[in-house]
């Protein structure tokens, strides 16, 4: 059997976190993970370090490695930073983008749409990453492009929250079409607005899921009723 690389292992564990195999707050037990993936502890620990750098796991005293559970406020902060970075990258991008670039992006868009139709959500996840990586490849500022990708990875934990919402997924598909159309056009502000419009739904859905898990919305309502 071919040995799994650190990069392959990072991708597998990241997928499992995104899709709830390892839910927020759960421990990643080293010996079980090493046995499951048939990797050495050295490879596993290197993967954990990468995942910690991406903000998906954290090392906790006396508990080992745990999947992070960011608060809704933290996620909203990250989305605000993403909006600043991504709209700045959009405004810097020379338009229309080269035909070879828009052809590549549109090809990924079609495959993403097909995966949405087939409800192949793991393919949806990876194709969405590929779509946006290709999208921002036309930005001439390489450091900004790297920052866009780094902050996108920090919120991967909320990506799949609405994958089972058919109406939301159709909105995403339509937004991707709009982004491709804007890249083929010549109006940077239209492109920036479409980029910004594509961002907020996942953070709102994460807040709802977090409040259901922790009962915070119910507690807040009860406190409000007592205060009145």
C-alpha atoms as a PDB file:
ATOM      1  CA  UNK A   1       0.000   0.000   0.000  1.00  0.00           C
ATOM      2  CA  UNK A   2       1.300   3.463  -0.910  1.00  0.00           C
ATOM      3  CA  UNK A   3       2.298   5.532   2.107  1.00  0.00           C
ATOM      4  CA  UNK A   4       0.177   8.598   2.820  1.00  0.00           C
ATOM      5  CA  UNK A   5       2.022  11.911   2.683  1.00  0.00           C
ATOM      6  CA  UNK A   6       1.560  14.677   5.227  1.00  0.00           C
ATOM      7  CA  UNK A   7      -0.331  16.723   2.620  1.00  0.00           C
ATOM      8  CA  UNK A   8      -2.673  13.799   1.849  1.00  0.00           C
ATOM      9  CA  UNK A   9      -3.290  13.254   5.556  1.00  0.00           C
ATOM     10  CA  UNK A  10      -4.017  16.943   6.150  1.00  0.00           C
ATOM     11  CA  UNK A  11      -6.596  16.837   3.358  1.00  0.00           C
ATOM     12  CA  UNK A  12      -8.281  13.699   4.727  1.00  0.00           C
ATOM     13  CA  UNK A  13      -8.498  15.003   8.302  1.00  0.00           C
ATOM     14  CA  UNK A  14      -9.628  18.433   7.089  1.00  0.00           C
ATOM     15  CA  UNK A  15     -12.456  16.798   5.108  1.00  0.00           C
ATOM     16  CA  UNK A  16     -13.502  14.767   8.150  1.00  0.00           C
ATOM     17  CA  UNK A  17     -13.606  17.933  10.273  1.00  0.00           C
ATOM     18  CA  UNK A  18     -15.572  19.892   7.669  1.00  0.00           C
ATOM     19  CA  UNK A  19     -18.147  17.114   7.285  1.00  0.00           C
ATOM     20  CA  UNK A  20     -18.599  16.430  10.998  1.00  0.00           C
ATOM     21  CA  UNK A  21     -16.760  13.123  11.373  1.00  0.00           C
ATOM     22  CA  UNK A  22     -14.765  15.011  13.998  1.00  0.00           C
ATOM     23  CA  UNK A  23     -17.186  17.656  15.327  1.00  0.00           C
ATOM     24  CA  UNK A  24     -16.086  20.896  17.023  1.00  0.00           C
ATOM     25  CA  UNK A  25     -14.584  20.237  20.451  1.00  0.00           C
ATOM     26  CA  UNK A  26     -13.796  16.560  19.771  1.00  0.00           C
ATOM     27  CA  UNK A  27     -10.406  15.038  20.549  1.00  0.00           C
ATOM     28  CA  UNK A  28      -8.210  13.582  17.842  1.00  0.00           C
ATOM     29  CA  UNK A  29      -6.651  10.621  19.642  1.00  0.00           C
ATOM     30  CA  UNK A  30      -3.189  10.022  18.279  1.00  0.00           C
ATOM     31  CA  UNK A  31      -2.945   6.215  18.386  1.00  0.00           C
ATOM     32  CA  UNK A  32      -6.420   5.754  16.874  1.00  0.00           C
ATOM     33  CA  UNK A  33      -5.721   8.227  14.084  1.00  0.00           C
ATOM     34  CA  UNK A  34      -2.341   6.644  13.323  1.00  0.00           C
ATOM     35  CA  UNK A  35      -3.954   3.196  13.136  1.00  0.00           C
ATOM     36  CA  UNK A  36      -6.878   4.381  11.009  1.00  0.00           C
ATOM     37  CA  UNK A  37      -4.711   6.087   8.397  1.00  0.00           C
ATOM     38  CA  UNK A  38      -1.779   3.656   8.685  1.00  0.00           C
ATOM     39  CA  UNK A  39       0.753   6.428   9.234  1.00  0.00           C
ATOM     40  CA  UNK A  40       3.611   6.956  11.655  1.00  0.00           C
ATOM     41  CA  UNK A  41       3.171   9.292  14.611  1.00  0.00           C
ATOM     42  CA  UNK A  42       5.780  11.560  13.051  1.00  0.00           C
ATOM     43  CA  UNK A  43       3.594  12.027   9.941  1.00  0.00           C
ATOM     44  CA  UNK A  44       0.464  12.419  12.070  1.00  0.00           C
ATOM     45  CA  UNK A  45       2.043  15.066  14.294  1.00  0.00           C
ATOM     46  CA  UNK A  46       3.261  16.976  11.237  1.00  0.00           C
ATOM     47  CA  UNK A  47      -0.310  16.915   9.889  1.00  0.00           C
ATOM     48  CA  UNK A  48      -1.636  18.163  13.230  1.00  0.00           C
ATOM     49  CA  UNK A  49       0.838  21.058  13.102  1.00  0.00           C
ATOM     50  CA  UNK A  50      -0.409  22.037   9.627  1.00  0.00           C
ATOM     51  CA  UNK A  51      -4.035  21.820  10.743  1.00  0.00           C
ATOM     52  CA  UNK A  52      -3.267  23.937  13.822  1.00  0.00           C
ATOM     53  CA  UNK A  53      -1.636  26.555  11.579  1.00  0.00           C
ATOM     54  CA  UNK A  54      -4.809  26.588   9.470  1.00  0.00           C
ATOM     55  CA  UNK A  55      -6.894  27.139  12.611  1.00  0.00           C
ATOM     56  CA  UNK A  56      -8.782  23.834  12.449  1.00  0.00           C
ATOM     57  CA  UNK A  57      -7.290  22.148  15.524  1.00  0.00           C
ATOM     58  CA  UNK A  58      -5.534  23.234  18.685  1.00  0.00           C
ATOM     59  CA  UNK A  59      -3.210  21.614  21.193  1.00  0.00           C
ATOM     60  CA  UNK A  60      -4.851  21.684  24.625  1.00  0.00           C
ATOM     61  CA  UNK A  61      -2.998  21.022  27.901  1.00  0.00           C
ATOM     62  CA  UNK A  62      -3.793  17.535  29.265  1.00  0.00           C
ATOM     63  CA  UNK A  63      -6.205  16.804  26.398  1.00  0.00           C
ATOM     64  CA  UNK A  64      -3.969  16.640  23.348  1.00  0.00           C
ATOM     65  CA  UNK A  65      -5.297  17.779  19.973  1.00  0.00           C
ATOM     66  CA  UNK A  66      -8.891  18.993  19.675  1.00  0.00           C
ATOM     67  CA  UNK A  67     -10.999  20.317  16.818  1.00  0.00           C
ATOM     68  CA  UNK A  68     -11.550  24.020  17.384  1.00  0.00           C
ATOM     69  CA  UNK A  69     -14.999  25.397  18.062  1.00  0.00           C
ATOM     70  CA  UNK A  70     -14.787  29.086  17.222  1.00  0.00           C
ATOM     71  CA  UNK A  71     -17.502  31.353  18.540  1.00  0.00           C
ATOM     72  CA  UNK A  72     -19.870  32.929  16.002  1.00  0.00           C
ATOM     73  CA  UNK A  73     -18.208  36.266  16.764  1.00  0.00           C
ATOM     74  CA  UNK A  74     -14.820  34.861  15.798  1.00  0.00           C
ATOM     75  CA  UNK A  75     -16.233  33.494  12.533  1.00  0.00           C
ATOM     76  CA  UNK A  76     -17.874  36.840  11.740  1.00  0.00           C
ATOM     77  CA  UNK A  77     -14.552  38.604  12.408  1.00  0.00           C
ATOM     78  CA  UNK A  78     -12.829  36.266   9.950  1.00  0.00           C
ATOM     79  CA  UNK A  79     -15.515  36.871   7.329  1.00  0.00           C
ATOM     80  CA  UNK A  80     -15.069  40.633   7.724  1.00  0.00           C
ATOM     81  CA  UNK A  81     -11.349  40.207   7.071  1.00  0.00           C
ATOM     82  CA  UNK A  82     -12.133  37.964   4.095  1.00  0.00           C
ATOM     83  CA  UNK A  83     -14.399  40.629   2.627  1.00  0.00           C
ATOM     84  CA  UNK A  84     -11.662  43.261   2.922  1.00  0.00           C
ATOM     85  CA  UNK A  85      -9.046  40.964   1.346  1.00  0.00           C
ATOM     86  CA  UNK A  86     -11.216  39.519  -1.408  1.00  0.00           C
ATOM     87  CA  UNK A  87     -12.816  42.753  -2.553  1.00  0.00           C
ATOM     88  CA  UNK A  88      -9.369  44.393  -2.572  1.00  0.00           C
ATOM     89  CA  UNK A  89      -8.061  41.541  -4.727  1.00  0.00           C
ATOM     90  CA  UNK A  90     -11.079  41.916  -7.031  1.00  0.00           C
ATOM     91  CA  UNK A  91     -10.484  45.653  -7.491  1.00  0.00           C
ATOM     92  CA  UNK A  92      -6.804  45.022  -8.316  1.00  0.00           C
ATOM     93  CA  UNK A  93      -7.591  42.384 -10.939  1.00  0.00           C
ATOM     94  CA  UNK A  94      -7.202  43.621 -14.533  1.00  0.00           C
ATOM     95  CA  UNK A  95     -10.456  43.093 -16.428  1.00  0.00           C
ATOM     96  CA  UNK A  96     -11.465  41.410 -18.556  1.00  0.00           C
ATOM     97  CA  UNK A  97      -9.429  38.459 -17.262  1.00  0.00           C
ATOM     98  CA  UNK A  98      -7.515  36.449 -19.884  1.00  0.00           C
ATOM     99  CA  UNK A  99      -9.697  34.012 -21.825  1.00  0.00           C
ATOM    100  CA  UNK A 100      -7.573  31.053 -20.733  1.00  0.00           C
ATOM    101  CA  UNK A 101      -8.214  31.975 -17.091  1.00  0.00           C
ATOM    102  CA  UNK A 102     -11.968  32.444 -17.468  1.00  0.00           C
ATOM    103  CA  UNK A 103     -12.183  29.199 -19.466  1.00  0.00           C
ATOM    104  CA  UNK A 104     -10.431  27.337 -16.636  1.00  0.00           C
ATOM    105  CA  UNK A 105     -12.665  28.923 -13.984  1.00  0.00           C
ATOM    106  CA  UNK A 106     -15.818  28.218 -15.974  1.00  0.00           C
ATOM    107  CA  UNK A 107     -14.792  24.590 -16.404  1.00  0.00           C
ATOM    108  CA  UNK A 108     -14.435  24.247 -12.626  1.00  0.00           C
ATOM    109  CA  UNK A 109     -17.766  26.027 -12.182  1.00  0.00           C
ATOM    110  CA  UNK A 110     -19.522  23.478 -14.391  1.00  0.00           C
ATOM    111  CA  UNK A 111     -17.984  20.556 -12.468  1.00  0.00           C
ATOM    112  CA  UNK A 112     -18.967  22.211  -9.177  1.00  0.00           C
ATOM    113  CA  UNK A 113     -22.545  22.645 -10.422  1.00  0.00           C
ATOM    114  CA  UNK A 114     -22.640  18.989 -11.497  1.00  0.00           C
ATOM    115  CA  UNK A 115     -21.402  17.932  -8.056  1.00  0.00           C
ATOM    116  CA  UNK A 116     -24.126  20.055  -6.401  1.00  0.00           C
ATOM    117  CA  UNK A 117     -26.753  18.344  -8.589  1.00  0.00           C
ATOM    118  CA  UNK A 118     -25.329  14.915  -7.698  1.00  0.00           C
ATOM    119  CA  UNK A 119     -25.134  15.882  -3.996  1.00  0.00           C
ATOM    120  CA  UNK A 120     -21.486  14.834  -3.990  1.00  0.00           C
ATOM    121  CA  UNK A 121     -20.662  17.268  -1.226  1.00  0.00           C
ATOM    122  CA  UNK A 122     -17.018  16.298  -0.776  1.00  0.00           C
ATOM    123  CA  UNK A 123     -16.475  17.051  -4.453  1.00  0.00           C
ATOM    124  CA  UNK A 124     -18.433  20.310  -3.959  1.00  0.00           C
ATOM    125  CA  UNK A 125     -16.049  21.271  -1.154  1.00  0.00           C
ATOM    126  CA  UNK A 126     -12.874  20.660  -3.179  1.00  0.00           C
ATOM    127  CA  UNK A 127     -14.227  22.173  -6.399  1.00  0.00           C
ATOM    128  CA  UNK A 128     -15.276  25.306  -4.518  1.00  0.00           C
ATOM    129  CA  UNK A 129     -11.700  25.695  -3.273  1.00  0.00           C
ATOM    130  CA  UNK A 130     -10.385  25.142  -6.813  1.00  0.00           C
ATOM    131  CA  UNK A 131     -12.853  27.669  -8.244  1.00  0.00           C
ATOM    132  CA  UNK A 132     -11.785  30.460  -5.914  1.00  0.00           C
ATOM    133  CA  UNK A 133      -8.080  29.646  -6.224  1.00  0.00           C
ATOM    134  CA  UNK A 134      -8.397  29.983 -10.000  1.00  0.00           C
ATOM    135  CA  UNK A 135     -10.593  33.082  -9.609  1.00  0.00           C
ATOM    136  CA  UNK A 136      -7.992  35.004  -7.610  1.00  0.00           C
ATOM    137  CA  UNK A 137      -5.068  33.786  -9.745  1.00  0.00           C
ATOM    138  CA  UNK A 138      -5.573  36.882 -11.938  1.00  0.00           C
ATOM    139  CA  UNK A 139      -4.863  39.272  -9.060  1.00  0.00           C
ATOM    140  CA  UNK A 140      -1.366  40.688  -9.682  1.00  0.00           C
ATOM    141  CA  UNK A 141      -0.522  40.958  -5.965  1.00  0.00           C
ATOM    142  CA  UNK A 142       0.767  37.493  -5.003  1.00  0.00           C
ATOM    143  CA  UNK A 143       0.955  38.316  -1.274  1.00  0.00           C
ATOM    144  CA  UNK A 144      -2.684  39.406  -1.259  1.00  0.00           C
ATOM    145  CA  UNK A 145      -3.698  36.250  -3.129  1.00  0.00           C
ATOM    146  CA  UNK A 146      -1.897  34.135  -0.507  1.00  0.00           C
ATOM    147  CA  UNK A 147      -3.675  36.024   2.283  1.00  0.00           C
ATOM    148  CA  UNK A 148      -7.053  35.453   0.566  1.00  0.00           C
ATOM    149  CA  UNK A 149      -6.409  31.705   0.482  1.00  0.00           C
ATOM    150  CA  UNK A 150      -5.071  31.570   4.047  1.00  0.00           C
ATOM    151  CA  UNK A 151      -8.137  33.300   5.509  1.00  0.00           C
ATOM    152  CA  UNK A 152     -10.484  31.185   3.393  1.00  0.00           C
ATOM    153  CA  UNK A 153      -8.926  28.073   4.942  1.00  0.00           C
ATOM    154  CA  UNK A 154      -9.480  29.435   8.453  1.00  0.00           C
ATOM    155  CA  UNK A 155     -13.259  29.178   7.937  1.00  0.00           C
ATOM    156  CA  UNK A 156     -13.338  25.753   6.282  1.00  0.00           C
ATOM    157  CA  UNK A 157     -14.925  24.472   9.477  1.00  0.00           C
ATOM    158  CA  UNK A 158     -18.178  26.261   8.560  1.00  0.00           C
ATOM    159  CA  UNK A 159     -18.166  25.368   4.841  1.00  0.00           C
ATOM    160  CA  UNK A 160     -20.523  22.399   4.959  1.00  0.00           C
ATOM    161  CA  UNK A 161     -23.084  23.880   7.355  1.00  0.00           C
ATOM    162  CA  UNK A 162     -25.554  24.574   4.516  1.00  0.00           C
ATOM    163  CA  UNK A 163     -24.607  21.955   1.947  1.00  0.00           C
ATOM    164  CA  UNK A 164     -27.928  20.166   2.565  1.00  0.00           C
ATOM    165  CA  UNK A 165     -29.886  23.386   1.895  1.00  0.00           C
ATOM    166  CA  UNK A 166     -30.865  23.062  -1.786  1.00  0.00           C
ATOM    167  CA  UNK A 167     -31.932  26.714  -2.132  1.00  0.00           C
ATOM    168  CA  UNK A 168     -28.633  27.918  -0.648  1.00  0.00           C
ATOM    169  CA  UNK A 169     -26.623  25.699  -2.971  1.00  0.00           C
ATOM    170  CA  UNK A 170     -28.498  27.030  -5.997  1.00  0.00           C
ATOM    171  CA  UNK A 171     -27.666  30.550  -4.802  1.00  0.00           C
ATOM    172  CA  UNK A 172     -23.985  29.550  -4.644  1.00  0.00           C
ATOM    173  CA  UNK A 173     -24.159  28.116  -8.169  1.00  0.00           C
ATOM    174  CA  UNK A 174     -25.754  31.344  -9.450  1.00  0.00           C
ATOM    175  CA  UNK A 175     -23.164  33.475  -7.628  1.00  0.00           C
ATOM    176  CA  UNK A 176     -20.339  31.499  -9.228  1.00  0.00           C
ATOM    177  CA  UNK A 177     -21.862  32.195 -12.649  1.00  0.00           C
ATOM    178  CA  UNK A 178     -22.042  35.895 -11.759  1.00  0.00           C
ATOM    179  CA  UNK A 179     -18.379  35.937 -10.713  1.00  0.00           C
ATOM    180  CA  UNK A 180     -17.315  34.345 -14.011  1.00  0.00           C
ATOM    181  CA  UNK A 181     -19.434  36.872 -15.949  1.00  0.00           C
ATOM    182  CA  UNK A 182     -17.837  39.745 -14.004  1.00  0.00           C
ATOM    183  CA  UNK A 183     -14.339  38.431 -14.766  1.00  0.00           C
ATOM    184  CA  UNK A 184     -15.268  38.490 -18.450  1.00  0.00           C
ATOM    185  CA  UNK A 185     -16.499  42.059 -18.145  1.00  0.00           C
ATOM    186  CA  UNK A 186     -14.678  45.329 -17.522  1.00  0.00           C
ATOM    187  CA  UNK A 187     -16.264  46.780 -14.362  1.00  0.00           C
ATOM    188  CA  UNK A 188     -14.128  46.171 -11.262  1.00  0.00           C
ATOM    189  CA  UNK A 189     -16.850  47.458  -8.906  1.00  0.00           C
ATOM    190  CA  UNK A 190     -19.388  44.973 -10.280  1.00  0.00           C
ATOM    191  CA  UNK A 191     -16.829  42.208  -9.747  1.00  0.00           C
ATOM    192  CA  UNK A 192     -16.064  43.390  -6.183  1.00  0.00           C
ATOM    193  CA  UNK A 193     -19.790  43.538  -5.314  1.00  0.00           C
ATOM    194  CA  UNK A 194     -20.317  39.995  -6.562  1.00  0.00           C
ATOM    195  CA  UNK A 195     -17.352  38.788  -4.532  1.00  0.00           C
ATOM    196  CA  UNK A 196     -18.731  40.467  -1.382  1.00  0.00           C
ATOM    197  CA  UNK A 197     -22.249  39.084  -1.946  1.00  0.00           C
ATOM    198  CA  UNK A 198     -20.839  35.553  -2.078  1.00  0.00           C
ATOM    199  CA  UNK A 199     -19.441  35.618   1.476  1.00  0.00           C
ATOM    200  CA  UNK A 200     -21.940  36.020   4.355  1.00  0.00           C
ATOM    201  CA  UNK A 201     -24.394  33.076   4.258  1.00  0.00           C
ATOM    202  CA  UNK A 202     -22.117  30.460   5.853  1.00  0.00           C
ATOM    203  CA  UNK A 203     -21.268  32.605   8.893  1.00  0.00           C
ATOM    204  CA  UNK A 204     -24.972  33.260   9.552  1.00  0.00           C
ATOM    205  CA  UNK A 205     -25.730  29.533   9.313  1.00  0.00           C
ATOM    206  CA  UNK A 206     -22.818  28.742  11.663  1.00  0.00           C
ATOM    207  CA  UNK A 207     -24.228  31.121  14.278  1.00  0.00           C
ATOM    208  CA  UNK A 208     -27.589  29.319  14.149  1.00  0.00           C
ATOM    209  CA  UNK A 209     -25.934  25.897  14.456  1.00  0.00           C
ATOM    210  CA  UNK A 210     -23.736  27.095  17.339  1.00  0.00           C
ATOM    211  CA  UNK A 211     -26.738  28.516  19.204  1.00  0.00           C
ATOM    212  CA  UNK A 212     -28.672  25.259  18.736  1.00  0.00           C
ATOM    213  CA  UNK A 213     -25.681  23.259  20.080  1.00  0.00           C
ATOM    214  CA  UNK A 214     -25.157  25.483  23.106  1.00  0.00           C
ATOM    215  CA  UNK A 215     -28.664  26.799  23.723  1.00  0.00           C
ATOM    216  CA  UNK A 216     -27.351  30.351  23.669  1.00  0.00           C
ATOM    217  CA  UNK A 217     -30.248  31.881  21.749  1.00  0.00           C
ATOM    218  CA  UNK A 218     -32.751  30.307  24.121  1.00  0.00           C
ATOM    219  CA  UNK A 219     -30.725  31.510  27.123  1.00  0.00           C
ATOM    220  CA  UNK A 220     -30.515  35.010  25.667  1.00  0.00           C
ATOM    221  CA  UNK A 221     -34.292  35.119  25.125  1.00  0.00           C
ATOM    222  CA  UNK A 222     -34.928  33.914  28.670  1.00  0.00           C
ATOM    223  CA  UNK A 223     -32.652  36.574  30.112  1.00  0.00           C
ATOM    224  CA  UNK A 224     -34.353  39.198  27.979  1.00  0.00           C
ATOM    225  CA  UNK A 225     -37.769  38.106  29.280  1.00  0.00           C
ATOM    226  CA  UNK A 226     -36.545  38.236  32.900  1.00  0.00           C
ATOM    227  CA  UNK A 227     -35.110  41.712  32.376  1.00  0.00           C
ATOM    228  CA  UNK A 228     -38.413  42.990  31.024  1.00  0.00           C
END
